[in-house]
């Protein structure tokens, strides 16, 4: 049988909330450091371009299929098919006047 262990807080400095503008500049540049001390600097233009990259628009692999969340719900797929069929049938019909008028 194992022995019971007790927990106690790790001594350290008192953590305060980080200010809103922490690690950013007025121009929008964001900077940080890695645990090894390497500085990482991201300028505003680069960050805005990242959201339009193909990688950002590609869903991650191995994503579970959750209807309505990660994929369209079945009811949405059925409605989409009905709309496609309706549009195709409307396109197949020749344009007819709303009513005939005697002149």
PDB file of N, CA and C in Angstrom:
ATOM      1  N   UNK A   1       0.845  -1.183   0.000  1.00  0.00           N
ATOM      2  CA  UNK A   1       0.000   0.000   0.000  1.00  0.00           C
ATOM      3  C   UNK A   1       0.884   1.236   0.000  1.00  0.00           C
ATOM      4  N   UNK A   2       0.374   2.280  -0.651  1.00  0.00           N
ATOM      5  CA  UNK A   2       1.135   3.521  -0.731  1.00  0.00           C
ATOM      6  C   UNK A   2       0.924   4.373   0.503  1.00  0.00           C
ATOM      7  N   UNK A   3       1.830   5.273   0.711  1.00  0.00           N
ATOM      8  CA  UNK A   3       1.698   6.189   1.840  1.00  0.00           C
ATOM      9  C   UNK A   3       0.969   7.445   1.395  1.00  0.00           C
ATOM     10  N   UNK A   4       0.264   8.046   2.314  1.00  0.00           N
ATOM     11  CA  UNK A   4      -0.466   9.280   2.021  1.00  0.00           C
ATOM     12  C   UNK A   4       0.516  10.445   1.975  1.00  0.00           C
ATOM     13  N   UNK A   5       0.315  11.308   1.033  1.00  0.00           N
ATOM     14  CA  UNK A   5       1.164  12.497   0.935  1.00  0.00           C
ATOM     15  C   UNK A   5       0.323  13.726   1.200  1.00  0.00           C
ATOM     16  N   UNK A   6       0.965  14.745   1.683  1.00  0.00           N
ATOM     17  CA  UNK A   6       0.247  15.996   1.936  1.00  0.00           C
ATOM     18  C   UNK A   6       0.728  17.041   0.941  1.00  0.00           C
ATOM     19  N   UNK A   7      -0.098  18.017   0.714  1.00  0.00           N
ATOM     20  CA  UNK A   7       0.290  19.076  -0.213  1.00  0.00           C
ATOM     21  C   UNK A   7       0.511  20.365   0.557  1.00  0.00           C
ATOM     22  N   UNK A   8       1.410  21.162   0.052  1.00  0.00           N
ATOM     23  CA  UNK A   8       1.651  22.466   0.652  1.00  0.00           C
ATOM     24  C   UNK A   8       1.990  23.442  -0.466  1.00  0.00           C
ATOM     25  N   UNK A   9       1.689  24.714  -0.283  1.00  0.00           N
ATOM     26  CA  UNK A   9       1.958  25.685  -1.341  1.00  0.00           C
ATOM     27  C   UNK A   9       3.455  25.848  -1.592  1.00  0.00           C
ATOM     28  N   UNK A  10       3.787  26.126  -2.841  1.00  0.00           N
ATOM     29  CA  UNK A  10       5.178  26.365  -3.206  1.00  0.00           C
ATOM     30  C   UNK A  10       5.490  27.823  -2.903  1.00  0.00           C
ATOM     31  N   UNK A  11       6.541  28.071  -2.139  1.00  0.00           N
ATOM     32  CA  UNK A  11       6.858  29.467  -1.824  1.00  0.00           C
ATOM     33  C   UNK A  11       7.304  30.215  -3.079  1.00  0.00           C
ATOM     34  N   UNK A  12       6.916  31.441  -3.173  1.00  0.00           N
ATOM     35  CA  UNK A  12       7.288  32.255  -4.329  1.00  0.00           C
ATOM     36  C   UNK A  12       6.734  33.654  -4.169  1.00  0.00           C
ATOM     37  N   UNK A  13       6.956  34.443  -5.168  1.00  0.00           N
ATOM     38  CA  UNK A  13       6.463  35.812  -5.097  1.00  0.00           C
ATOM     39  C   UNK A  13       4.949  35.828  -5.266  1.00  0.00           C
ATOM     40  N   UNK A  14       4.353  36.862  -4.744  1.00  0.00           N
ATOM     41  CA  UNK A  14       2.909  37.020  -4.843  1.00  0.00           C
ATOM     42  C   UNK A  14       2.578  37.456  -6.270  1.00  0.00           C
ATOM     43  N   UNK A  15       1.749  36.676  -6.972  1.00  0.00           N
ATOM     44  CA  UNK A  15       1.428  36.975  -8.363  1.00  0.00           C
ATOM     45  C   UNK A  15       0.311  38.003  -8.437  1.00  0.00           C
ATOM     46  N   UNK A  16       0.565  39.051  -9.205  1.00  0.00           N
ATOM     47  CA  UNK A  16      -0.423  40.095  -9.429  1.00  0.00           C
ATOM     48  C   UNK A  16      -0.951  39.978 -10.855  1.00  0.00           C
ATOM     49  N   UNK A  17      -2.153  40.470 -11.101  1.00  0.00           N
ATOM     50  CA  UNK A  17      -2.662  40.410 -12.479  1.00  0.00           C
ATOM     51  C   UNK A  17      -1.772  41.210 -13.428  1.00  0.00           C
ATOM     52  N   UNK A  18      -1.654  40.720 -14.659  1.00  0.00           N
ATOM     53  CA  UNK A  18      -0.821  41.384 -15.665  1.00  0.00           C
ATOM     54  C   UNK A  18      -1.590  42.571 -16.236  1.00  0.00           C
ATOM     55  N   UNK A  19      -0.928  43.722 -16.391  1.00  0.00           N
ATOM     56  CA  UNK A  19      -1.609  44.883 -16.981  1.00  0.00           C
ATOM     57  C   UNK A  19      -2.071  44.603 -18.409  1.00  0.00           C
ATOM     58  N   UNK A  20      -3.085  45.340 -18.863  1.00  0.00           N
ATOM     59  CA  UNK A  20      -3.664  45.110 -20.186  1.00  0.00           C
ATOM     60  C   UNK A  20      -2.648  45.304 -21.309  1.00  0.00           C
ATOM     61  N   UNK A  21      -1.807  46.299 -21.211  1.00  0.00           N
ATOM     62  CA  UNK A  21      -0.851  46.593 -22.267  1.00  0.00           C
ATOM     63  C   UNK A  21       0.471  45.873 -22.119  1.00  0.00           C
ATOM     64  N   UNK A  22       0.533  44.857 -21.296  1.00  0.00           N
ATOM     65  CA  UNK A  22       1.782  44.138 -21.046  1.00  0.00           C
ATOM     66  C   UNK A  22       2.290  43.492 -22.330  1.00  0.00           C
ATOM     67  N   UNK A  23       3.539  43.603 -22.590  1.00  0.00           N
ATOM     68  CA  UNK A  23       4.265  43.030 -23.728  1.00  0.00           C
ATOM     69  C   UNK A  23       3.753  43.511 -25.080  1.00  0.00           C
ATOM     70  N   UNK A  24       3.278  44.742 -25.151  1.00  0.00           N
ATOM     71  CA  UNK A  24       2.900  45.308 -26.443  1.00  0.00           C
ATOM     72  C   UNK A  24       3.306  46.773 -26.489  1.00  0.00           C
ATOM     73  N   UNK A  25       3.368  47.311 -27.697  1.00  0.00           N
ATOM     74  CA  UNK A  25       3.741  48.710 -27.876  1.00  0.00           C
ATOM     75  C   UNK A  25       2.540  49.468 -28.426  1.00  0.00           C
ATOM     76  N   UNK A  26       2.564  50.795 -28.369  1.00  0.00           N
ATOM     77  CA  UNK A  26       1.442  51.558 -28.924  1.00  0.00           C
ATOM     78  C   UNK A  26       1.215  51.307 -30.418  1.00  0.00           C
ATOM     79  N   UNK A  27       2.247  50.924 -31.153  1.00  0.00           N
ATOM     80  CA  UNK A  27       2.104  50.650 -32.579  1.00  0.00           C
ATOM     81  C   UNK A  27       1.492  49.298 -32.887  1.00  0.00           C
ATOM     82  N   UNK A  28       1.270  48.470 -31.888  1.00  0.00           N
ATOM     83  CA  UNK A  28       0.672  47.161 -32.099  1.00  0.00           C
ATOM     84  C   UNK A  28       1.660  46.020 -32.134  1.00  0.00           C
ATOM     85  N   UNK A  29       2.943  46.299 -31.943  1.00  0.00           N
ATOM     86  CA  UNK A  29       3.942  45.238 -31.925  1.00  0.00           C
ATOM     87  C   UNK A  29       3.823  44.460 -30.619  1.00  0.00           C
ATOM     88  N   UNK A  30       3.830  43.139 -30.721  1.00  0.00           N
ATOM     89  CA  UNK A  30       3.744  42.281 -29.540  1.00  0.00           C
ATOM     90  C   UNK A  30       5.092  41.600 -29.374  1.00  0.00           C
ATOM     91  N   UNK A  31       5.578  41.562 -28.160  1.00  0.00           N
ATOM     92  CA  UNK A  31       6.858  40.913 -27.916  1.00  0.00           C
ATOM     93  C   UNK A  31       6.761  40.022 -26.690  1.00  0.00           C
ATOM     94  N   UNK A  32       7.611  39.013 -26.646  1.00  0.00           N
ATOM     95  CA  UNK A  32       7.660  38.101 -25.504  1.00  0.00           C
ATOM     96  C   UNK A  32       9.026  37.442 -25.483  1.00  0.00           C
ATOM     97  N   UNK A  33       9.235  36.599 -24.496  1.00  0.00           N
ATOM     98  CA  UNK A  33      10.487  35.849 -24.414  1.00  0.00           C
ATOM     99  C   UNK A  33      10.178  34.387 -24.158  1.00  0.00           C
ATOM    100  N   UNK A  34      11.059  33.523 -24.618  1.00  0.00           N
ATOM    101  CA  UNK A  34      10.931  32.097 -24.350  1.00  0.00           C
ATOM    102  C   UNK A  34      11.564  31.815 -22.996  1.00  0.00           C
ATOM    103  N   UNK A  35      11.334  30.633 -22.419  1.00  0.00           N
ATOM    104  CA  UNK A  35      11.983  30.309 -21.144  1.00  0.00           C
ATOM    105  C   UNK A  35      13.507  30.382 -21.217  1.00  0.00           C
ATOM    106  N   UNK A  36      14.078  30.182 -22.398  1.00  0.00           N
ATOM    107  CA  UNK A  36      15.526  30.259 -22.559  1.00  0.00           C
ATOM    108  C   UNK A  36      16.036  31.679 -22.695  1.00  0.00           C
ATOM    109  N   UNK A  37      15.139  32.644 -22.803  1.00  0.00           N
ATOM    110  CA  UNK A  37      15.539  34.036 -22.892  1.00  0.00           C
ATOM    111  C   UNK A  37      15.524  34.623 -24.292  1.00  0.00           C
ATOM    112  N   UNK A  38      15.142  33.831 -25.287  1.00  0.00           N
ATOM    113  CA  UNK A  38      15.082  34.340 -26.657  1.00  0.00           C
ATOM    114  C   UNK A  38      13.921  35.312 -26.801  1.00  0.00           C
ATOM    115  N   UNK A  39      14.183  36.455 -27.416  1.00  0.00           N
ATOM    116  CA  UNK A  39      13.123  37.446 -27.629  1.00  0.00           C
ATOM    117  C   UNK A  39      12.356  37.117 -28.906  1.00  0.00           C
ATOM    118  N   UNK A  40      11.047  37.191 -28.828  1.00  0.00           N
ATOM    119  CA  UNK A  40      10.187  36.990 -29.989  1.00  0.00           C
ATOM    120  C   UNK A  40       9.418  38.284 -30.199  1.00  0.00           C
ATOM    121  N   UNK A  41       9.499  38.820 -31.413  1.00  0.00           N
ATOM    122  CA  UNK A  41       8.824  40.082 -31.713  1.00  0.00           C
ATOM    123  C   UNK A  41       7.900  39.864 -32.910  1.00  0.00           C
ATOM    124  N   UNK A  42       6.625  40.190 -32.750  1.00  0.00           N
ATOM    125  CA  UNK A  42       5.637  40.106 -33.821  1.00  0.00           C
ATOM    126  C   UNK A  42       5.120  41.510 -34.090  1.00  0.00           C
ATOM    127  N   UNK A  43       5.266  41.983 -35.330  1.00  0.00           N
ATOM    128  CA  UNK A  43       4.702  43.296 -35.632  1.00  0.00           C
ATOM    129  C   UNK A  43       3.239  43.135 -36.058  1.00  0.00           C
ATOM    130  N   UNK A  44       2.511  44.217 -36.006  1.00  0.00           N
ATOM    131  CA  UNK A  44       1.067  44.210 -36.249  1.00  0.00           C
ATOM    132  C   UNK A  44       0.744  43.669 -37.640  1.00  0.00           C
ATOM    133  N   UNK A  45       1.496  44.076 -38.651  1.00  0.00           N
ATOM    134  CA  UNK A  45       1.248  43.650 -40.027  1.00  0.00           C
ATOM    135  C   UNK A  45       1.354  42.130 -40.151  1.00  0.00           C
ATOM    136  N   UNK A  46       2.381  41.539 -39.543  1.00  0.00           N
ATOM    137  CA  UNK A  46       2.570  40.091 -39.598  1.00  0.00           C
ATOM    138  C   UNK A  46       1.397  39.361 -38.944  1.00  0.00           C
ATOM    139  N   UNK A  47       0.961  39.836 -37.787  1.00  0.00           N
ATOM    140  CA  UNK A  47      -0.140  39.180 -37.086  1.00  0.00           C
ATOM    141  C   UNK A  47      -1.437  39.256 -37.888  1.00  0.00           C
ATOM    142  N   UNK A  48      -1.686  40.393 -38.543  1.00  0.00           N
ATOM    143  CA  UNK A  48      -2.892  40.516 -39.358  1.00  0.00           C
ATOM    144  C   UNK A  48      -2.824  39.624 -40.593  1.00  0.00           C
ATOM    145  N   UNK A  49      -1.634  39.416 -41.151  1.00  0.00           N
ATOM    146  CA  UNK A  49      -1.483  38.534 -42.302  1.00  0.00           C
ATOM    147  C   UNK A  49      -1.665  37.067 -41.912  1.00  0.00           C
ATOM    148  N   UNK A  50      -1.355  36.715 -40.675  1.00  0.00           N
ATOM    149  CA  UNK A  50      -1.478  35.325 -40.226  1.00  0.00           C
ATOM    150  C   UNK A  50      -2.918  34.829 -40.293  1.00  0.00           C
ATOM    151  N   UNK A  51      -3.883  35.701 -40.023  1.00  0.00           N
ATOM    152  CA  UNK A  51      -5.278  35.251 -40.020  1.00  0.00           C
ATOM    153  C   UNK A  51      -5.764  34.900 -41.418  1.00  0.00           C
ATOM    154  N   UNK A  52      -5.097  35.401 -42.462  1.00  0.00           N
ATOM    155  CA  UNK A  52      -5.496  35.110 -43.832  1.00  0.00           C
ATOM    156  C   UNK A  52      -4.685  33.985 -44.460  1.00  0.00           C
ATOM    157  N   UNK A  53      -3.782  33.381 -43.712  1.00  0.00           N
ATOM    158  CA  UNK A  53      -2.942  32.328 -44.283  1.00  0.00           C
ATOM    159  C   UNK A  53      -3.759  31.052 -44.489  1.00  0.00           C
ATOM    160  N   UNK A  54      -3.375  30.217 -45.464  1.00  0.00           N
ATOM    161  CA  UNK A  54      -4.093  28.963 -45.690  1.00  0.00           C
ATOM    162  C   UNK A  54      -4.067  28.048 -44.467  1.00  0.00           C
ATOM    163  N   UNK A  55      -3.008  28.097 -43.696  1.00  0.00           N
ATOM    164  CA  UNK A  55      -2.919  27.250 -42.504  1.00  0.00           C
ATOM    165  C   UNK A  55      -3.981  27.653 -41.482  1.00  0.00           C
ATOM    166  N   UNK A  56      -4.230  28.957 -41.339  1.00  0.00           N
ATOM    167  CA  UNK A  56      -5.230  29.425 -40.383  1.00  0.00           C
ATOM    168  C   UNK A  56      -6.637  29.052 -40.823  1.00  0.00           C
ATOM    169  N   UNK A  57      -6.853  28.876 -42.114  1.00  0.00           N
ATOM    170  CA  UNK A  57      -8.182  28.558 -42.632  1.00  0.00           C
ATOM    171  C   UNK A  57      -8.410  27.054 -42.773  1.00  0.00           C
ATOM    172  N   UNK A  58      -7.421  26.243 -42.490  1.00  0.00           N
ATOM    173  CA  UNK A  58      -7.532  24.798 -42.598  1.00  0.00           C
ATOM    174  C   UNK A  58      -7.871  24.215 -41.237  1.00  0.00           C
ATOM    175  N   UNK A  59      -8.910  23.385 -41.152  1.00  0.00           N
ATOM    176  CA  UNK A  59      -9.215  22.794 -39.847  1.00  0.00           C
ATOM    177  C   UNK A  59      -8.133  21.805 -39.439  1.00  0.00           C
ATOM    178  N   UNK A  60      -7.906  21.649 -38.154  1.00  0.00           N
ATOM    179  CA  UNK A  60      -6.892  20.694 -37.699  1.00  0.00           C
ATOM    180  C   UNK A  60      -7.280  19.264 -38.062  1.00  0.00           C
ATOM    181  N   UNK A  61      -6.266  18.415 -38.253  1.00  0.00           N
ATOM    182  CA  UNK A  61      -6.562  17.016 -38.539  1.00  0.00           C
ATOM    183  C   UNK A  61      -7.064  16.337 -37.262  1.00  0.00           C
ATOM    184  N   UNK A  62      -7.709  15.236 -37.423  1.00  0.00           N
ATOM    185  CA  UNK A  62      -8.236  14.439 -36.305  1.00  0.00           C
ATOM    186  C   UNK A  62      -9.286  15.213 -35.503  1.00  0.00           C
ATOM    187  N   UNK A  63      -9.977  16.152 -36.133  1.00  0.00           N
ATOM    188  CA  UNK A  63     -11.022  16.912 -35.462  1.00  0.00           C
ATOM    189  C   UNK A  63     -12.276  16.047 -35.406  1.00  0.00           C
ATOM    190  N   UNK A  64     -12.913  15.898 -34.250  1.00  0.00           N
ATOM    191  CA  UNK A  64     -14.114  15.055 -34.184  1.00  0.00           C
ATOM    192  C   UNK A  64     -15.249  15.665 -34.996  1.00  0.00           C
ATOM    193  N   UNK A  65     -16.099  14.832 -35.557  1.00  0.00           N
ATOM    194  CA  UNK A  65     -17.240  15.299 -36.344  1.00  0.00           C
ATOM    195  C   UNK A  65     -18.416  15.554 -35.406  1.00  0.00           C
ATOM    196  N   UNK A  66     -18.683  16.809 -35.122  1.00  0.00           N
ATOM    197  CA  UNK A  66     -19.793  17.202 -34.261  1.00  0.00           C
ATOM    198  C   UNK A  66     -20.771  17.986 -35.127  1.00  0.00           C
ATOM    199  N   UNK A  67     -21.933  17.396 -35.486  1.00  0.00           N
ATOM    200  CA  UNK A  67     -22.880  18.094 -36.356  1.00  0.00           C
ATOM    201  C   UNK A  67     -23.297  19.437 -35.767  1.00  0.00           C
ATOM    202  N   UNK A  68     -23.230  20.458 -36.587  1.00  0.00           N
ATOM    203  CA  UNK A  68     -23.603  21.797 -36.161  1.00  0.00           C
ATOM    204  C   UNK A  68     -22.470  22.570 -35.518  1.00  0.00           C
ATOM    205  N   UNK A  69     -21.364  21.891 -35.179  1.00  0.00           N
ATOM    206  CA  UNK A  69     -20.228  22.571 -34.557  1.00  0.00           C
ATOM    207  C   UNK A  69     -19.023  22.506 -35.491  1.00  0.00           C
ATOM    208  N   UNK A  70     -18.509  21.305 -35.720  1.00  0.00           N
ATOM    209  CA  UNK A  70     -17.347  21.159 -36.597  1.00  0.00           C
ATOM    210  C   UNK A  70     -17.750  20.797 -38.016  1.00  0.00           C
ATOM    211  N   UNK A  71     -18.994  20.426 -38.224  1.00  0.00           N
ATOM    212  CA  UNK A  71     -19.511  20.150 -39.561  1.00  0.00           C
ATOM    213  C   UNK A  71     -20.964  20.613 -39.591  1.00  0.00           C
ATOM    214  N   UNK A  72     -21.496  20.762 -40.798  1.00  0.00           N
ATOM    215  CA  UNK A  72     -22.886  21.184 -40.903  1.00  0.00           C
ATOM    216  C   UNK A  72     -23.800  20.132 -40.293  1.00  0.00           C
ATOM    217  N   UNK A  73     -24.857  20.589 -39.656  1.00  0.00           N
ATOM    218  CA  UNK A  73     -25.834  19.662 -39.089  1.00  0.00           C
ATOM    219  C   UNK A  73     -26.532  18.930 -40.230  1.00  0.00           C
ATOM    220  N   UNK A  74     -27.023  17.730 -39.983  1.00  0.00           N
ATOM    221  CA  UNK A  74     -27.701  16.953 -41.007  1.00  0.00           C
ATOM    222  C   UNK A  74     -28.879  17.724 -41.581  1.00  0.00           C
ATOM    223  N   UNK A  75     -29.636  18.417 -40.726  1.00  0.00           N
ATOM    224  CA  UNK A  75     -30.786  19.174 -41.214  1.00  0.00           C
ATOM    225  C   UNK A  75     -30.329  20.282 -42.152  1.00  0.00           C
ATOM    226  N   UNK A  76     -29.180  20.885 -41.877  1.00  0.00           N
ATOM    227  CA  UNK A  76     -28.645  21.928 -42.751  1.00  0.00           C
ATOM    228  C   UNK A  76     -28.249  21.343 -44.098  1.00  0.00           C
ATOM    229  N   UNK A  77     -27.674  20.142 -44.095  1.00  0.00           N
ATOM    230  CA  UNK A  77     -27.290  19.504 -45.347  1.00  0.00           C
ATOM    231  C   UNK A  77     -28.515  19.180 -46.188  1.00  0.00           C
ATOM    232  N   UNK A  78     -29.585  18.713 -45.539  1.00  0.00           N
ATOM    233  CA  UNK A  78     -30.816  18.394 -46.259  1.00  0.00           C
ATOM    234  C   UNK A  78     -31.401  19.665 -46.860  1.00  0.00           C
ATOM    235  N   UNK A  79     -31.445  20.746 -46.085  1.00  0.00           N
ATOM    236  CA  UNK A  79     -31.968  22.017 -46.588  1.00  0.00           C
ATOM    237  C   UNK A  79     -31.124  22.530 -47.746  1.00  0.00           C
ATOM    238  N   UNK A  80     -29.812  22.373 -47.648  1.00  0.00           N
ATOM    239  CA  UNK A  80     -28.915  22.813 -48.708  1.00  0.00           C
ATOM    240  C   UNK A  80     -29.193  22.050 -49.999  1.00  0.00           C
ATOM    241  N   UNK A  81     -29.398  20.736 -49.899  1.00  0.00           N
ATOM    242  CA  UNK A  81     -29.715  19.927 -51.074  1.00  0.00           C
ATOM    243  C   UNK A  81     -31.054  20.346 -51.670  1.00  0.00           C
ATOM    244  N   UNK A  82     -32.059  20.620 -50.809  1.00  0.00           N
ATOM    245  CA  UNK A  82     -33.369  21.052 -51.301  1.00  0.00           C
ATOM    246  C   UNK A  82     -33.252  22.373 -52.052  1.00  0.00           C
ATOM    247  N   UNK A  83     -32.459  23.305 -51.527  1.00  0.00           N
ATOM    248  CA  UNK A  83     -32.278  24.589 -52.199  1.00  0.00           C
ATOM    249  C   UNK A  83     -31.591  24.415 -53.551  1.00  0.00           C
ATOM    250  N   UNK A  84     -30.597  23.534 -53.607  1.00  0.00           N
ATOM    251  CA  UNK A  84     -29.912  23.283 -54.876  1.00  0.00           C
ATOM    252  C   UNK A  84     -30.882  22.708 -55.903  1.00  0.00           C
ATOM    253  N   UNK A  85     -31.716  21.732 -55.471  1.00  0.00           N
ATOM    254  CA  UNK A  85     -32.685  21.125 -56.380  1.00  0.00           C
ATOM    255  C   UNK A  85     -33.700  22.152 -56.854  1.00  0.00           C
ATOM    256  N   UNK A  86     -34.162  23.007 -55.950  1.00  0.00           N
ATOM    257  CA  UNK A  86     -35.144  24.024 -56.307  1.00  0.00           C
ATOM    258  C   UNK A  86     -34.544  25.007 -57.313  1.00  0.00           C
ATOM    259  N   UNK A  87     -33.299  25.426 -57.088  1.00  0.00           N
ATOM    260  CA  UNK A  87     -32.641  26.345 -58.018  1.00  0.00           C
ATOM    261  C   UNK A  87     -32.451  25.704 -59.392  1.00  0.00           C
ATOM    262  N   UNK A  88     -32.094  24.421 -59.417  1.00  0.00           N
ATOM    263  CA  UNK A  88     -31.918  23.727 -60.689  1.00  0.00           C
ATOM    264  C   UNK A  88     -33.236  23.616 -61.435  1.00  0.00           C
ATOM    265  N   UNK A  89     -34.329  23.332 -60.715  1.00  0.00           N
ATOM    266  CA  UNK A  89     -35.630  23.211 -61.377  1.00  0.00           C
ATOM    267  C   UNK A  89     -36.107  24.567 -61.884  1.00  0.00           C
ATOM    268  N   UNK A  90     -35.823  25.639 -61.161  1.00  0.00           N
ATOM    269  CA  UNK A  90     -36.201  26.978 -61.608  1.00  0.00           C
ATOM    270  C   UNK A  90     -35.407  27.375 -62.846  1.00  0.00           C
ATOM    271  N   UNK A  91     -34.144  26.983 -62.911  1.00  0.00           N
ATOM    272  CA  UNK A  91     -33.319  27.298 -64.071  1.00  0.00           C
ATOM    273  C   UNK A  91     -33.766  26.504 -65.290  1.00  0.00           C
ATOM    274  N   UNK A  92     -34.281  25.295 -65.079  1.00  0.00           N
ATOM    275  CA  UNK A  92     -34.716  24.453 -66.185  1.00  0.00           C
ATOM    276  C   UNK A  92     -35.996  24.990 -66.822  1.00  0.00           C
ATOM    277  N   UNK A  93     -36.847  25.650 -66.066  1.00  0.00           N
ATOM    278  CA  UNK A  93     -38.100  26.191 -66.585  1.00  0.00           C
ATOM    279  C   UNK A  93     -37.807  27.457 -67.384  1.00  0.00           C
ATOM    280  N   UNK A  94     -38.414  27.588 -68.582  1.00  0.00           N
ATOM    281  CA  UNK A  94     -38.199  28.820 -69.347  1.00  0.00           C
ATOM    282  C   UNK A  94     -38.897  29.988 -68.661  1.00  0.00           C
ATOM    283  N   UNK A  95     -38.380  31.173 -68.922  1.00  0.00           N
ATOM    284  CA  UNK A  95     -38.992  32.362 -68.332  1.00  0.00           C
ATOM    285  C   UNK A  95     -40.376  32.556 -68.931  1.00  0.00           C
ATOM    286  N   UNK A  96     -41.365  32.679 -68.089  1.00  0.00           N
ATOM    287  CA  UNK A  96     -42.731  32.915 -68.531  1.00  0.00           C
ATOM    288  C   UNK A  96     -43.207  34.215 -67.920  1.00  0.00           C
ATOM    289  N   UNK A  97     -44.065  34.891 -68.675  1.00  0.00           N
ATOM    290  CA  UNK A  97     -44.640  36.107 -68.124  1.00  0.00           C
ATOM    291  C   UNK A  97     -45.527  35.749 -66.953  1.00  0.00           C
ATOM    292  N   UNK A  98     -45.692  36.702 -66.075  1.00  0.00           N
ATOM    293  CA  UNK A  98     -46.513  36.457 -64.903  1.00  0.00           C
ATOM    294  C   UNK A  98     -47.968  36.231 -65.310  1.00  0.00           C
ATOM    295  N   UNK A  99     -48.428  36.968 -66.296  1.00  0.00           N
ATOM    296  CA  UNK A  99     -49.786  36.815 -66.812  1.00  0.00           C
ATOM    297  C   UNK A  99     -49.800  37.301 -68.254  1.00  0.00           C
ATOM    298  N   UNK A 100     -50.786  36.854 -68.995  1.00  0.00           N
ATOM    299  CA  UNK A 100     -50.905  37.284 -70.381  1.00  0.00           C
ATOM    300  C   UNK A 100     -51.745  38.544 -70.446  1.00  0.00           C
ATOM    301  N   UNK A 101     -51.365  39.422 -71.356  1.00  0.00           N
ATOM    302  CA  UNK A 101     -52.081  40.686 -71.476  1.00  0.00           C
ATOM    303  C   UNK A 101     -52.536  40.854 -72.929  1.00  0.00           C
ATOM    304  N   UNK A 102     -53.802  41.145 -73.101  1.00  0.00           N
ATOM    305  CA  UNK A 102     -54.333  41.427 -74.437  1.00  0.00           C
ATOM    306  C   UNK A 102     -54.118  42.888 -74.750  1.00  0.00           C
ATOM    307  N   UNK A 103     -53.555  43.148 -75.919  1.00  0.00           N
ATOM    308  CA  UNK A 103     -53.315  44.542 -76.297  1.00  0.00           C
ATOM    309  C   UNK A 103     -54.215  44.919 -77.444  1.00  0.00           C
TER     310      UNK A 103
END
